[in-house]
Amino acid sequence: MAKLGGLLTKNRFRVSALLGILFLVIGVSLLGYSISAIQDHEQLSNSADLALEQMWNYDGSLRWWRNAYVTLFLPLTAAFLTLGGVVLVSQPLLTRLRHKSVV
């Protein structure tokens, strides 16, 4: 029975570590994707060989991406990074607290 409890604790630690890393990767990916999209649209709107209507379209798209970056992507990135950090730190901390209360 003691082996089963140790195995369960190790699996719980691995699952929480993978979940925390997954949240961190999602947060960094969202940030990188949004910054990349903004840079691409800036380069396209500064192109010299665009017609006036195309330039307006790219400027409108760039404005949308900047707005979405501030209102959506940054808060989501902060939430995923915070959640990933909490999940990574909380499981070892809870395991230590359980061992101290048992002993």
N, C-alpha and C. Protein backbone atom coordinates (compact mmCIF):
# COMPACT_ATOMS: atom_id res chain seq x y z
N MET A 1 0.82 -1.19 0.00
CA MET A 1 0.00 0.00 0.00
C MET A 1 0.86 1.25 0.00
N ALA A 2 2.01 1.21 0.68
CA ALA A 2 2.90 2.37 0.72
C ALA A 2 3.48 2.65 -0.66
N LYS A 3 3.74 1.60 -1.45
CA LYS A 3 4.27 1.79 -2.80
C LYS A 3 3.26 2.50 -3.68
N LEU A 4 1.99 2.15 -3.51
CA LEU A 4 0.94 2.77 -4.31
C LEU A 4 0.85 4.27 -4.00
N GLY A 5 0.96 4.61 -2.73
CA GLY A 5 0.91 6.03 -2.36
C GLY A 5 2.08 6.81 -2.93
N GLY A 6 3.27 6.22 -2.93
CA GLY A 6 4.44 6.87 -3.52
C GLY A 6 4.31 7.03 -5.02
N LEU A 7 3.77 6.02 -5.67
CA LEU A 7 3.57 6.08 -7.12
C LEU A 7 2.55 7.16 -7.48
N LEU A 8 1.49 7.25 -6.70
CA LEU A 8 0.47 8.26 -6.94
C LEU A 8 1.04 9.67 -6.75
N THR A 9 1.87 9.84 -5.73
CA THR A 9 2.48 11.14 -5.48
C THR A 9 3.42 11.52 -6.61
N LYS A 10 4.21 10.58 -7.12
CA LYS A 10 5.12 10.87 -8.22
C LYS A 10 4.34 11.22 -9.49
N ASN A 11 3.28 10.50 -9.77
CA ASN A 11 2.48 10.79 -10.95
C ASN A 11 1.80 12.14 -10.83
N ARG A 12 1.31 12.47 -9.64
CA ARG A 12 0.67 13.77 -9.42
C ARG A 12 1.68 14.89 -9.67
N PHE A 13 2.91 14.68 -9.20
CA PHE A 13 3.96 15.68 -9.41
C PHE A 13 4.27 15.83 -10.90
N ARG A 14 4.37 14.72 -11.62
CA ARG A 14 4.65 14.78 -13.05
C ARG A 14 3.53 15.45 -13.83
N VAL A 15 2.31 15.11 -13.47
CA VAL A 15 1.17 15.71 -14.17
C VAL A 15 1.12 17.21 -13.92
N SER A 16 1.34 17.62 -12.68
CA SER A 16 1.31 19.05 -12.40
C SER A 16 2.48 19.77 -13.06
N ALA A 17 3.65 19.12 -13.13
CA ALA A 17 4.79 19.74 -13.81
C ALA A 17 4.50 19.89 -15.30
N LEU A 18 3.95 18.87 -15.92
CA LEU A 18 3.61 18.96 -17.34
C LEU A 18 2.54 20.01 -17.60
N LEU A 19 1.56 20.09 -16.72
CA LEU A 19 0.51 21.09 -16.87
C LEU A 19 1.07 22.50 -16.71
N GLY A 20 1.94 22.69 -15.73
CA GLY A 20 2.56 23.99 -15.54
C GLY A 20 3.40 24.40 -16.73
N ILE A 21 4.18 23.46 -17.26
CA ILE A 21 5.01 23.76 -18.44
C ILE A 21 4.13 24.03 -19.65
N LEU A 22 3.03 23.30 -19.79
CA LEU A 22 2.10 23.54 -20.89
C LEU A 22 1.52 24.95 -20.82
N PHE A 23 1.12 25.38 -19.64
CA PHE A 23 0.60 26.75 -19.48
C PHE A 23 1.66 27.79 -19.82
N LEU A 24 2.89 27.56 -19.41
CA LEU A 24 3.97 28.49 -19.72
C LEU A 24 4.23 28.56 -21.23
N VAL A 25 4.21 27.41 -21.89
CA VAL A 25 4.43 27.38 -23.33
C VAL A 25 3.29 28.08 -24.07
N ILE A 26 2.06 27.86 -23.63
CA ILE A 26 0.92 28.53 -24.27
C ILE A 26 1.03 30.04 -24.10
N GLY A 27 1.39 30.49 -22.90
CA GLY A 27 1.52 31.93 -22.66
C GLY A 27 2.59 32.57 -23.51
N VAL A 28 3.75 31.95 -23.59
CA VAL A 28 4.84 32.50 -24.41
C VAL A 28 4.48 32.42 -25.89
N SER A 29 3.80 31.37 -26.31
CA SER A 29 3.40 31.25 -27.71
C SER A 29 2.40 32.33 -28.11
N LEU A 30 1.45 32.62 -27.25
CA LEU A 30 0.50 33.69 -27.54
C LEU A 30 1.20 35.03 -27.69
N LEU A 31 2.13 35.29 -26.80
CA LEU A 31 2.87 36.55 -26.86
C LEU A 31 3.70 36.62 -28.14
N GLY A 32 4.41 35.55 -28.46
CA GLY A 32 5.23 35.54 -29.66
C GLY A 32 4.42 35.66 -30.94
N TYR A 33 3.28 34.97 -30.98
CA TYR A 33 2.44 35.02 -32.18
C TYR A 33 1.89 36.43 -32.40
N SER A 34 1.42 37.06 -31.34
CA SER A 34 0.84 38.40 -31.50
C SER A 34 1.90 39.42 -31.89
N ILE A 35 3.09 39.33 -31.31
CA ILE A 35 4.16 40.27 -31.68
C ILE A 35 4.58 40.04 -33.13
N SER A 36 4.66 38.78 -33.52
CA SER A 36 5.02 38.46 -34.90
C SER A 36 3.97 38.98 -35.89
N ALA A 37 2.70 38.84 -35.57
CA ALA A 37 1.65 39.32 -36.45
C ALA A 37 1.70 40.85 -36.58
N ILE A 38 1.96 41.53 -35.50
CA ILE A 38 2.05 43.00 -35.54
C ILE A 38 3.23 43.43 -36.40
N GLN A 39 4.37 42.78 -36.23
CA GLN A 39 5.55 43.14 -37.03
C GLN A 39 5.32 42.86 -38.50
N ASP A 40 4.68 41.76 -38.82
CA ASP A 40 4.38 41.44 -40.23
C ASP A 40 3.47 42.49 -40.85
N HIS A 41 2.44 42.90 -40.10
CA HIS A 41 1.51 43.89 -40.64
C HIS A 41 2.17 45.26 -40.75
N GLU A 42 3.10 45.58 -39.86
CA GLU A 42 3.82 46.85 -39.98
C GLU A 42 4.68 46.85 -41.25
N GLN A 43 5.34 45.74 -41.52
CA GLN A 43 6.16 45.65 -42.73
C GLN A 43 5.31 45.74 -43.99
N LEU A 44 4.15 45.09 -43.97
CA LEU A 44 3.27 45.13 -45.14
C LEU A 44 2.70 46.52 -45.37
N SER A 45 2.35 47.22 -44.29
CA SER A 45 1.75 48.54 -44.47
C SER A 45 2.79 49.59 -44.88
N ASN A 46 4.06 49.32 -44.62
CA ASN A 46 5.12 50.26 -45.01
C ASN A 46 5.69 49.95 -46.40
N SER A 47 5.15 48.97 -47.06
CA SER A 47 5.62 48.61 -48.39
C SER A 47 5.30 49.72 -49.38
N ALA A 48 6.23 50.01 -50.27
CA ALA A 48 6.07 51.12 -51.22
C ALA A 48 5.22 50.76 -52.43
N ASP A 49 5.05 49.49 -52.71
CA ASP A 49 4.35 49.10 -53.93
C ASP A 49 2.88 48.74 -53.70
N LEU A 50 2.27 49.31 -52.67
CA LEU A 50 0.86 49.04 -52.38
C LEU A 50 -0.03 50.14 -52.95
N ALA A 51 -1.19 49.72 -53.40
CA ALA A 51 -2.20 50.70 -53.79
C ALA A 51 -2.77 51.34 -52.52
N LEU A 52 -3.42 52.48 -52.68
CA LEU A 52 -3.94 53.22 -51.53
C LEU A 52 -4.95 52.39 -50.75
N GLU A 53 -5.82 51.66 -51.45
CA GLU A 53 -6.83 50.84 -50.78
C GLU A 53 -6.18 49.69 -50.01
N GLN A 54 -5.16 49.09 -50.58
CA GLN A 54 -4.45 48.02 -49.87
C GLN A 54 -3.75 48.55 -48.62
N MET A 55 -3.18 49.74 -48.72
CA MET A 55 -2.52 50.34 -47.56
C MET A 55 -3.55 50.61 -46.46
N TRP A 56 -4.72 51.07 -46.81
CA TRP A 56 -5.77 51.29 -45.81
C TRP A 56 -6.17 49.97 -45.15
N ASN A 57 -6.28 48.92 -45.97
CA ASN A 57 -6.63 47.61 -45.41
C ASN A 57 -5.57 47.14 -44.41
N TYR A 58 -4.29 47.28 -44.78
CA TYR A 58 -3.22 46.85 -43.87
C TYR A 58 -3.15 47.72 -42.62
N ASP A 59 -3.40 49.02 -42.78
CA ASP A 59 -3.42 49.90 -41.61
C ASP A 59 -4.56 49.54 -40.67
N GLY A 60 -5.73 49.22 -41.23
CA GLY A 60 -6.86 48.80 -40.39
C GLY A 60 -6.57 47.49 -39.69
N SER A 61 -5.94 46.57 -40.41
CA SER A 61 -5.58 45.29 -39.81
C SER A 61 -4.53 45.48 -38.72
N LEU A 62 -3.58 46.35 -38.97
CA LEU A 62 -2.55 46.63 -37.97
C LEU A 62 -3.16 47.26 -36.72
N ARG A 63 -4.09 48.16 -36.92
CA ARG A 63 -4.80 48.77 -35.79
C ARG A 63 -5.55 47.70 -34.99
N TRP A 64 -6.20 46.77 -35.68
CA TRP A 64 -6.92 45.68 -34.99
C TRP A 64 -5.96 44.82 -34.19
N TRP A 65 -4.82 44.45 -34.80
CA TRP A 65 -3.85 43.60 -34.09
C TRP A 65 -3.29 44.30 -32.86
N ARG A 66 -3.01 45.58 -32.96
CA ARG A 66 -2.50 46.32 -31.79
C ARG A 66 -3.55 46.37 -30.69
N ASN A 67 -4.79 46.59 -31.07
CA ASN A 67 -5.88 46.61 -30.09
C ASN A 67 -6.06 45.24 -29.45
N ALA A 68 -6.05 44.18 -30.26
CA ALA A 68 -6.18 42.83 -29.74
C ALA A 68 -5.00 42.46 -28.86
N TYR A 69 -3.82 42.95 -29.19
CA TYR A 69 -2.62 42.68 -28.39
C TYR A 69 -2.78 43.23 -26.98
N VAL A 70 -3.26 44.45 -26.89
CA VAL A 70 -3.40 45.09 -25.57
C VAL A 70 -4.58 44.53 -24.79
N THR A 71 -5.68 44.28 -25.46
CA THR A 71 -6.90 43.89 -24.74
C THR A 71 -7.06 42.38 -24.57
N LEU A 72 -6.43 41.58 -25.43
CA LEU A 72 -6.64 40.14 -25.38
C LEU A 72 -5.36 39.36 -25.12
N PHE A 73 -4.36 39.56 -25.96
CA PHE A 73 -3.17 38.71 -25.89
C PHE A 73 -2.33 38.96 -24.64
N LEU A 74 -2.13 40.21 -24.26
CA LEU A 74 -1.34 40.48 -23.05
C LEU A 74 -2.02 39.93 -21.79
N PRO A 75 -3.32 40.16 -21.58
CA PRO A 75 -3.95 39.56 -20.40
C PRO A 75 -3.93 38.04 -20.41
N LEU A 76 -4.17 37.43 -21.58
CA LEU A 76 -4.11 35.97 -21.66
C LEU A 76 -2.71 35.45 -21.37
N THR A 77 -1.71 36.14 -21.90
CA THR A 77 -0.33 35.75 -21.64
C THR A 77 -0.02 35.83 -20.16
N ALA A 78 -0.42 36.93 -19.53
CA ALA A 78 -0.18 37.07 -18.09
C ALA A 78 -0.90 36.00 -17.29
N ALA A 79 -2.12 35.68 -17.68
CA ALA A 79 -2.88 34.65 -16.97
C ALA A 79 -2.23 33.28 -17.11
N PHE A 80 -1.83 32.92 -18.34
CA PHE A 80 -1.21 31.61 -18.54
C PHE A 80 0.14 31.51 -17.85
N LEU A 81 0.94 32.57 -17.91
CA LEU A 81 2.24 32.52 -17.24
C LEU A 81 2.08 32.44 -15.72
N THR A 82 1.14 33.19 -15.18
CA THR A 82 0.89 33.14 -13.74
C THR A 82 0.38 31.77 -13.33
N LEU A 83 -0.57 31.26 -14.07
CA LEU A 83 -1.13 29.94 -13.77
C LEU A 83 -0.07 28.85 -13.87
N GLY A 84 0.77 28.91 -14.88
CA GLY A 84 1.85 27.94 -15.03
C GLY A 84 2.83 28.01 -13.88
N GLY A 85 3.19 29.22 -13.47
CA GLY A 85 4.10 29.37 -12.34
C GLY A 85 3.50 28.86 -11.04
N VAL A 86 2.23 29.15 -10.82
CA VAL A 86 1.56 28.69 -9.60
C VAL A 86 1.47 27.17 -9.57
N VAL A 87 1.13 26.57 -10.70
CA VAL A 87 1.02 25.11 -10.75
C VAL A 87 2.39 24.47 -10.52
N LEU A 88 3.44 25.03 -11.11
CA LEU A 88 4.77 24.47 -10.93
C LEU A 88 5.27 24.59 -9.49
N VAL A 89 4.94 25.69 -8.83
CA VAL A 89 5.43 25.91 -7.47
C VAL A 89 4.55 25.24 -6.42
N SER A 90 3.25 25.16 -6.66
CA SER A 90 2.33 24.69 -5.62
C SER A 90 2.45 23.20 -5.32
N GLN A 91 2.66 22.38 -6.33
CA GLN A 91 2.69 20.93 -6.08
C GLN A 91 3.86 20.52 -5.19
N PRO A 92 5.10 20.96 -5.45
CA PRO A 92 6.18 20.59 -4.52
C PRO A 92 5.97 21.19 -3.13
N LEU A 93 5.40 22.38 -3.07
CA LEU A 93 5.14 23.03 -1.78
C LEU A 93 4.09 22.24 -1.00
N LEU A 94 3.02 21.83 -1.67
CA LEU A 94 1.99 21.04 -0.99
C LEU A 94 2.52 19.68 -0.55
N THR A 95 3.39 19.08 -1.36
CA THR A 95 3.99 17.80 -0.99
C THR A 95 4.84 17.94 0.26
N ARG A 96 5.62 18.99 0.35
CA ARG A 96 6.44 19.23 1.55
C ARG A 96 5.57 19.48 2.78
N LEU A 97 4.51 20.24 2.59
CA LEU A 97 3.63 20.51 3.73
C LEU A 97 2.94 19.24 4.22
N ARG A 98 2.57 18.35 3.33
CA ARG A 98 1.95 17.09 3.72
C ARG A 98 2.93 16.21 4.49
N HIS A 99 4.18 16.19 4.03
CA HIS A 99 5.18 15.37 4.73
C HIS A 99 5.47 15.92 6.13
N LYS A 100 5.47 17.23 6.29
CA LYS A 100 5.71 17.81 7.61
C LYS A 100 4.55 17.55 8.55
N SER A 101 3.33 17.56 8.03
CA SER A 101 2.18 17.32 8.90
C SER A 101 2.07 15.85 9.29
N VAL A 102 2.56 14.95 8.46
CA VAL A 102 2.51 13.52 8.76
C VAL A 102 3.57 13.18 9.80
N VAL A 103 4.74 13.75 9.70
CA VAL A 103 5.85 13.45 10.60
C VAL A 103 5.68 14.15 11.87
